[in-house]
Amino acid sequence: MTPGEISALISAQLPSCRVTIESEDNTHFAATVVSAAFAGLPQLGRHRLVYQALGTRMGAEIHALSIRAHTPEEWLRLNPAEENAPRG
């Protein structure tokens, strides 16, 4: 899979989110996902939402995925210089 394909799958599951996917080999990926859907969820719950979006591709086309999952408010605290941070 490509980073673009993974980004599209996550975006379809979590509308209005911001997704950044990085990979050097299209097998091991790092995802940063910012979504209001994460509000009130622990990290495990956030990761589950992302894994649900990828379904059976996890462990098959996607060998490994590290996930950074934040709400828009958390993202702003971590990145205060980002004036137009996502609100989705």
N, C-alpha and C. Protein backbone atom coordinates (compact mmCIF):
# COMPACT_ATOMS: atom_id res chain seq x y z
N MET A 1 0.84 -1.18 0.00
CA MET A 1 0.00 0.00 0.00
C MET A 1 0.88 1.24 0.00
N THR A 2 0.30 2.31 -0.45
CA THR A 2 1.03 3.58 -0.44
C THR A 2 0.53 4.44 0.71
N PRO A 3 1.31 5.43 1.12
CA PRO A 3 0.83 6.35 2.14
C PRO A 3 -0.48 7.03 1.75
N GLY A 4 -0.64 7.35 0.47
CA GLY A 4 -1.88 7.99 0.01
C GLY A 4 -3.10 7.09 0.19
N GLU A 5 -2.93 5.80 -0.09
CA GLU A 5 -4.04 4.85 0.08
C GLU A 5 -4.43 4.72 1.55
N ILE A 6 -3.45 4.65 2.42
CA ILE A 6 -3.73 4.55 3.85
C ILE A 6 -4.40 5.82 4.34
N SER A 7 -3.90 6.95 3.91
CA SER A 7 -4.51 8.23 4.29
C SER A 7 -5.97 8.29 3.87
N ALA A 8 -6.27 7.83 2.66
CA ALA A 8 -7.66 7.86 2.16
C ALA A 8 -8.56 6.95 2.99
N LEU A 9 -8.07 5.78 3.38
CA LEU A 9 -8.87 4.87 4.20
C LEU A 9 -9.18 5.47 5.56
N ILE A 10 -8.18 6.07 6.18
CA ILE A 10 -8.39 6.68 7.49
C ILE A 10 -9.32 7.88 7.38
N SER A 11 -9.13 8.69 6.36
CA SER A 11 -9.99 9.87 6.16
C SER A 11 -11.44 9.47 5.92
N ALA A 12 -11.67 8.34 5.26
CA ALA A 12 -13.04 7.88 5.03
C ALA A 12 -13.71 7.45 6.33
N GLN A 13 -12.92 6.89 7.24
CA GLN A 13 -13.45 6.44 8.54
C GLN A 13 -13.63 7.61 9.50
N LEU A 14 -12.74 8.59 9.42
CA LEU A 14 -12.75 9.73 10.34
C LEU A 14 -12.86 11.02 9.52
N PRO A 15 -14.06 11.35 9.05
CA PRO A 15 -14.22 12.55 8.23
C PRO A 15 -13.70 13.80 8.96
N SER A 16 -13.20 14.73 8.20
CA SER A 16 -12.67 16.00 8.70
C SER A 16 -11.43 15.83 9.56
N CYS A 17 -10.74 14.72 9.40
CA CYS A 17 -9.50 14.54 10.15
C CYS A 17 -8.33 15.04 9.32
N ARG A 18 -7.22 15.16 9.97
CA ARG A 18 -5.96 15.47 9.29
C ARG A 18 -5.07 14.26 9.43
N VAL A 19 -4.58 13.74 8.32
CA VAL A 19 -3.77 12.52 8.34
C VAL A 19 -2.46 12.77 7.61
N THR A 20 -1.38 12.36 8.23
CA THR A 20 -0.08 12.37 7.59
C THR A 20 0.49 10.97 7.73
N ILE A 21 0.87 10.36 6.62
CA ILE A 21 1.43 9.01 6.61
C ILE A 21 2.83 9.09 6.02
N GLU A 22 3.77 8.46 6.71
CA GLU A 22 5.15 8.41 6.21
C GLU A 22 5.58 6.95 6.10
N SER A 23 6.40 6.67 5.09
CA SER A 23 6.94 5.33 4.91
C SER A 23 8.15 5.39 4.00
N GLU A 24 9.12 4.57 4.32
CA GLU A 24 10.29 4.47 3.46
C GLU A 24 10.21 3.25 2.55
N ASP A 25 9.34 2.28 2.91
CA ASP A 25 9.31 1.04 2.14
C ASP A 25 7.90 0.57 1.76
N ASN A 26 6.88 1.37 2.04
CA ASN A 26 5.48 1.02 1.76
C ASN A 26 5.05 -0.29 2.42
N THR A 27 5.70 -0.62 3.52
CA THR A 27 5.33 -1.77 4.35
C THR A 27 5.25 -1.37 5.82
N HIS A 28 6.17 -0.52 6.23
CA HIS A 28 6.22 0.01 7.59
C HIS A 28 5.82 1.49 7.51
N PHE A 29 4.84 1.87 8.32
CA PHE A 29 4.27 3.21 8.22
C PHE A 29 4.23 3.90 9.57
N ALA A 30 4.24 5.23 9.51
CA ALA A 30 4.03 6.07 10.69
C ALA A 30 2.89 7.02 10.36
N ALA A 31 1.86 7.03 11.20
CA ALA A 31 0.68 7.86 10.97
C ALA A 31 0.54 8.89 12.07
N THR A 32 0.23 10.10 11.67
CA THR A 32 -0.20 11.14 12.59
C THR A 32 -1.61 11.49 12.18
N VAL A 33 -2.54 11.33 13.12
CA VAL A 33 -3.95 11.56 12.83
C VAL A 33 -4.49 12.55 13.86
N VAL A 34 -5.12 13.60 13.37
CA VAL A 34 -5.73 14.62 14.23
C VAL A 34 -7.22 14.62 13.92
N SER A 35 -8.03 14.31 14.95
CA SER A 35 -9.46 14.21 14.73
C SER A 35 -10.23 14.54 16.00
N ALA A 36 -11.33 15.24 15.84
CA ALA A 36 -12.22 15.51 16.97
C ALA A 36 -12.86 14.23 17.48
N ALA A 37 -12.90 13.19 16.65
CA ALA A 37 -13.47 11.91 17.06
C ALA A 37 -12.69 11.27 18.20
N PHE A 38 -11.48 11.71 18.44
CA PHE A 38 -10.65 11.16 19.51
C PHE A 38 -10.96 11.75 20.88
N ALA A 39 -11.76 12.79 20.93
CA ALA A 39 -12.07 13.46 22.21
C ALA A 39 -12.66 12.46 23.20
N GLY A 40 -12.10 12.44 24.38
CA GLY A 40 -12.59 11.59 25.44
C GLY A 40 -12.13 10.14 25.38
N LEU A 41 -11.39 9.79 24.34
CA LEU A 41 -10.91 8.41 24.19
C LEU A 41 -9.47 8.28 24.68
N PRO A 42 -9.15 7.17 25.34
CA PRO A 42 -7.74 6.91 25.67
C PRO A 42 -6.99 6.56 24.39
N GLN A 43 -5.67 6.51 24.46
CA GLN A 43 -4.88 6.19 23.27
C GLN A 43 -5.29 4.87 22.64
N LEU A 44 -5.58 3.87 23.45
CA LEU A 44 -5.98 2.58 22.89
C LEU A 44 -7.26 2.70 22.07
N GLY A 45 -8.23 3.45 22.54
CA GLY A 45 -9.47 3.67 21.80
C GLY A 45 -9.22 4.42 20.50
N ARG A 46 -8.32 5.37 20.52
CA ARG A 46 -7.97 6.14 19.32
C ARG A 46 -7.32 5.22 18.29
N HIS A 47 -6.41 4.38 18.76
CA HIS A 47 -5.73 3.45 17.86
C HIS A 47 -6.73 2.47 17.26
N ARG A 48 -7.68 2.03 18.04
CA ARG A 48 -8.70 1.11 17.52
C ARG A 48 -9.48 1.74 16.37
N LEU A 49 -9.81 3.02 16.49
CA LEU A 49 -10.52 3.70 15.40
C LEU A 49 -9.70 3.69 14.11
N VAL A 50 -8.41 3.93 14.26
CA VAL A 50 -7.53 3.93 13.08
C VAL A 50 -7.43 2.51 12.51
N TYR A 51 -7.24 1.52 13.38
CA TYR A 51 -7.15 0.13 12.90
C TYR A 51 -8.45 -0.31 12.22
N GLN A 52 -9.60 0.13 12.73
CA GLN A 52 -10.87 -0.21 12.09
C GLN A 52 -10.91 0.31 10.66
N ALA A 53 -10.36 1.48 10.45
CA ALA A 53 -10.35 2.06 9.10
C ALA A 53 -9.52 1.22 8.14
N LEU A 54 -8.50 0.54 8.66
CA LEU A 54 -7.59 -0.22 7.81
C LEU A 54 -7.99 -1.68 7.68
N GLY A 55 -8.83 -2.15 8.58
CA GLY A 55 -9.38 -3.51 8.50
C GLY A 55 -8.33 -4.59 8.35
N THR A 56 -8.57 -5.50 7.44
CA THR A 56 -7.71 -6.67 7.26
C THR A 56 -6.37 -6.33 6.61
N ARG A 57 -6.20 -5.10 6.20
CA ARG A 57 -4.92 -4.70 5.60
C ARG A 57 -3.79 -4.71 6.64
N MET A 58 -4.19 -4.52 7.92
CA MET A 58 -3.19 -4.58 9.00
C MET A 58 -2.68 -6.01 9.09
N GLY A 59 -1.37 -6.16 9.08
CA GLY A 59 -0.77 -7.47 9.14
C GLY A 59 -0.62 -8.12 7.77
N ALA A 60 -1.23 -7.53 6.77
CA ALA A 60 -1.11 -8.04 5.41
C ALA A 60 -0.29 -7.03 4.61
N GLU A 61 -0.99 -6.11 3.92
CA GLU A 61 -0.26 -5.08 3.15
C GLU A 61 0.50 -4.11 4.06
N ILE A 62 -0.04 -3.92 5.25
CA ILE A 62 0.60 -3.03 6.22
C ILE A 62 1.24 -3.91 7.29
N HIS A 63 2.55 -4.03 7.23
CA HIS A 63 3.26 -4.89 8.18
C HIS A 63 3.32 -4.25 9.56
N ALA A 64 3.58 -2.95 9.61
CA ALA A 64 3.70 -2.25 10.89
C ALA A 64 3.20 -0.82 10.74
N LEU A 65 2.54 -0.33 11.78
CA LEU A 65 2.01 1.03 11.77
C LEU A 65 2.17 1.64 13.15
N SER A 66 2.93 2.72 13.24
CA SER A 66 2.98 3.48 14.48
C SER A 66 1.98 4.63 14.33
N ILE A 67 1.27 4.92 15.41
CA ILE A 67 0.19 5.91 15.35
C ILE A 67 0.39 6.97 16.42
N ARG A 68 0.30 8.22 15.97
CA ARG A 68 0.20 9.37 16.87
C ARG A 68 -1.21 9.91 16.64
N ALA A 69 -2.07 9.84 17.65
CA ALA A 69 -3.47 10.25 17.50
C ALA A 69 -3.78 11.36 18.50
N HIS A 70 -4.24 12.51 17.98
CA HIS A 70 -4.50 13.68 18.82
C HIS A 70 -5.83 14.32 18.45
N THR A 71 -6.41 15.00 19.43
CA THR A 71 -7.55 15.85 19.13
C THR A 71 -6.98 17.15 18.55
N PRO A 72 -7.80 17.96 17.90
CA PRO A 72 -7.30 19.24 17.39
C PRO A 72 -6.72 20.12 18.50
N GLU A 73 -7.34 20.10 19.67
CA GLU A 73 -6.84 20.91 20.79
C GLU A 73 -5.47 20.43 21.26
N GLU A 74 -5.30 19.12 21.36
CA GLU A 74 -4.00 18.57 21.72
C GLU A 74 -2.94 18.93 20.69
N TRP A 75 -3.33 18.85 19.43
CA TRP A 75 -2.40 19.18 18.35
C TRP A 75 -1.93 20.63 18.45
N LEU A 76 -2.86 21.53 18.75
CA LEU A 76 -2.49 22.94 18.90
C LEU A 76 -1.53 23.15 20.06
N ARG A 77 -1.75 22.43 21.17
CA ARG A 77 -0.83 22.55 22.31
C ARG A 77 0.55 22.05 21.95
N LEU A 78 0.61 20.98 21.16
CA LEU A 78 1.90 20.42 20.75
C LEU A 78 2.58 21.23 19.66
N ASN A 79 1.79 21.95 18.88
CA ASN A 79 2.29 22.70 17.73
C ASN A 79 1.73 24.12 17.74
N PRO A 80 2.09 24.92 18.73
CA PRO A 80 1.48 26.26 18.87
C PRO A 80 1.76 27.19 17.70
N ALA A 81 2.79 26.95 16.94
CA ALA A 81 3.09 27.82 15.81
C ALA A 81 2.16 27.58 14.63
N GLU A 82 1.40 26.51 14.68
CA GLU A 82 0.52 26.17 13.57
C GLU A 82 -0.79 26.94 13.70
N GLU A 83 -0.88 28.04 13.02
CA GLU A 83 -2.05 28.93 13.14
C GLU A 83 -3.30 28.31 12.55
N ASN A 84 -3.18 27.59 11.48
CA ASN A 84 -4.35 27.01 10.81
C ASN A 84 -4.45 25.52 11.09
N ALA A 85 -4.31 25.14 12.35
CA ALA A 85 -4.39 23.73 12.71
C ALA A 85 -5.76 23.17 12.40
N PRO A 86 -5.82 21.88 12.11
CA PRO A 86 -7.11 21.27 11.76
C PRO A 86 -8.08 21.30 12.92
N ARG A 87 -9.34 21.38 12.60
CA ARG A 87 -10.38 21.40 13.61
C ARG A 87 -11.30 20.19 13.50
N GLY A 88 -10.97 19.25 12.59
CA GLY A 88 -11.85 18.12 12.31
C GLY A 88 -11.82 17.01 13.29
